Amino acid sequence: MSEYSKKTCYDCGIRKPQPEMRRVTETKINHSHGYSHKTKKTTTSRAYSNSRKVFVCQPCAQKRTDSSNSNLGFLILVVCVVAFLLWI
């Protein structure tokens, strides 16, 4: 009988066989600042993002989708309220 490799959940740290995990893309946004060596002043600022594939367990994956759906609902509510206030 073959064994599956074990993966670690990115959110909670639990280890489970790979078929019981979900693979998601984790995006992290970083900022980079440059400065001139002669004047020691900041000259540039740049934002860049890193994306990588990570594994999460089923409960953590469900929490991620629930929170993203609630954030979307909140955004729609805010847009509707602002549109209503501008209409008045």
Protein backbone atom coordinates (compact mmCIF):
# COMPACT_ATOMS: atom_id res chain seq x y z
CA MET A 1 0.00 0.00 0.00
CA SER A 2 1.39 3.39 -0.95
CA GLU A 3 1.62 6.27 1.47
CA TYR A 4 0.98 9.88 0.62
CA SER A 5 3.46 12.56 1.58
CA LYS A 6 2.48 14.66 4.58
CA LYS A 7 2.02 18.40 4.17
CA THR A 8 1.92 21.09 6.84
CA CYS A 9 -0.98 23.55 6.98
CA TYR A 10 0.28 27.09 6.36
CA ASP A 11 -2.29 28.61 8.76
CA CYS A 12 -2.50 26.25 11.75
CA GLY A 13 0.57 23.99 11.35
CA ILE A 14 -1.22 20.62 11.47
CA ARG A 15 0.35 17.80 9.40
CA LYS A 16 -1.91 15.63 7.25
CA PRO A 17 -1.60 13.49 4.11
CA GLN A 18 -1.53 15.53 0.93
CA PRO A 19 -4.97 14.43 -0.44
CA GLU A 20 -6.62 15.87 2.71
CA MET A 21 -5.07 19.30 2.09
CA ARG A 22 -5.86 22.07 -0.37
CA ARG A 23 -3.25 23.95 -2.34
CA VAL A 24 -3.75 27.73 -2.41
CA THR A 25 -1.76 30.72 -3.63
CA GLU A 26 -0.41 32.93 -0.86
CA THR A 27 0.38 36.49 -1.99
CA LYS A 28 2.55 38.81 0.04
CA ILE A 29 3.09 42.48 -0.84
CA ASN A 30 6.42 44.03 0.11
CA HIS A 31 7.89 47.49 -0.29
CA SER A 32 11.41 48.32 -1.35
CA HIS A 33 13.08 51.68 -0.69
CA GLY A 34 16.19 52.99 -2.35
CA TYR A 35 18.34 55.90 -1.30
CA SER A 36 21.21 57.89 -2.69
CA HIS A 37 24.53 57.14 -1.01
CA LYS A 38 25.77 60.69 -1.55
CA THR A 39 22.84 62.55 0.00
CA LYS A 40 21.32 59.75 2.15
CA LYS A 41 17.83 60.71 0.93
CA THR A 42 15.18 58.27 -0.18
CA THR A 43 14.90 58.42 -3.95
CA THR A 44 12.62 55.56 -4.97
CA SER A 45 9.92 53.39 -3.52
CA ARG A 46 8.59 50.28 -5.18
CA ALA A 47 5.98 47.74 -4.17
CA TYR A 48 6.34 44.17 -5.34
CA SER A 49 4.39 41.02 -4.61
CA ASN A 50 5.52 37.45 -4.04
CA SER A 51 3.19 34.57 -4.80
CA ARG A 52 3.75 31.00 -3.74
CA LYS A 53 1.72 27.83 -3.53
CA VAL A 54 1.06 26.60 0.01
CA PHE A 55 -1.07 23.84 1.54
CA VAL A 56 -3.91 24.44 4.02
CA CYS A 57 -6.18 21.93 5.77
CA GLN A 58 -9.89 21.75 4.98
CA PRO A 59 -11.11 23.81 8.00
CA CYS A 60 -8.57 26.58 7.32
CA ALA A 61 -9.50 26.57 3.62
CA GLN A 62 -13.16 26.97 4.59
CA LYS A 63 -12.28 29.90 6.89
CA ARG A 64 -10.38 31.55 4.05
CA THR A 65 -13.34 31.33 1.66
CA ASP A 66 -15.79 32.50 4.34
CA SER A 67 -13.67 35.54 5.19
CA SER A 68 -13.18 36.47 1.53
CA ASN A 69 -16.94 36.20 0.92
CA SER A 70 -17.72 38.36 3.95
CA ASN A 71 -15.16 40.95 2.80
CA LEU A 72 -16.79 41.05 -0.62
CA GLY A 73 -20.23 41.51 0.97
CA PHE A 74 -18.93 44.34 3.13
CA LEU A 75 -17.38 46.05 0.09
CA ILE A 76 -20.65 45.82 -1.84
CA LEU A 77 -22.52 47.28 1.16
CA VAL A 78 -20.10 50.22 1.42
CA VAL A 79 -20.39 50.97 -2.31
CA CYS A 80 -24.19 50.89 -2.10
CA VAL A 81 -24.25 53.22 0.91
CA VAL A 82 -21.89 55.70 -0.76
CA ALA A 83 -23.94 55.60 -3.97
CA PHE A 84 -27.13 56.17 -1.96
CA LEU A 85 -25.60 59.12 -0.09
CA LEU A 86 -24.39 60.68 -3.34
CA TRP A 87 -27.81 60.21 -4.87
CA ILE A 88 -29.58 62.05 -2.03
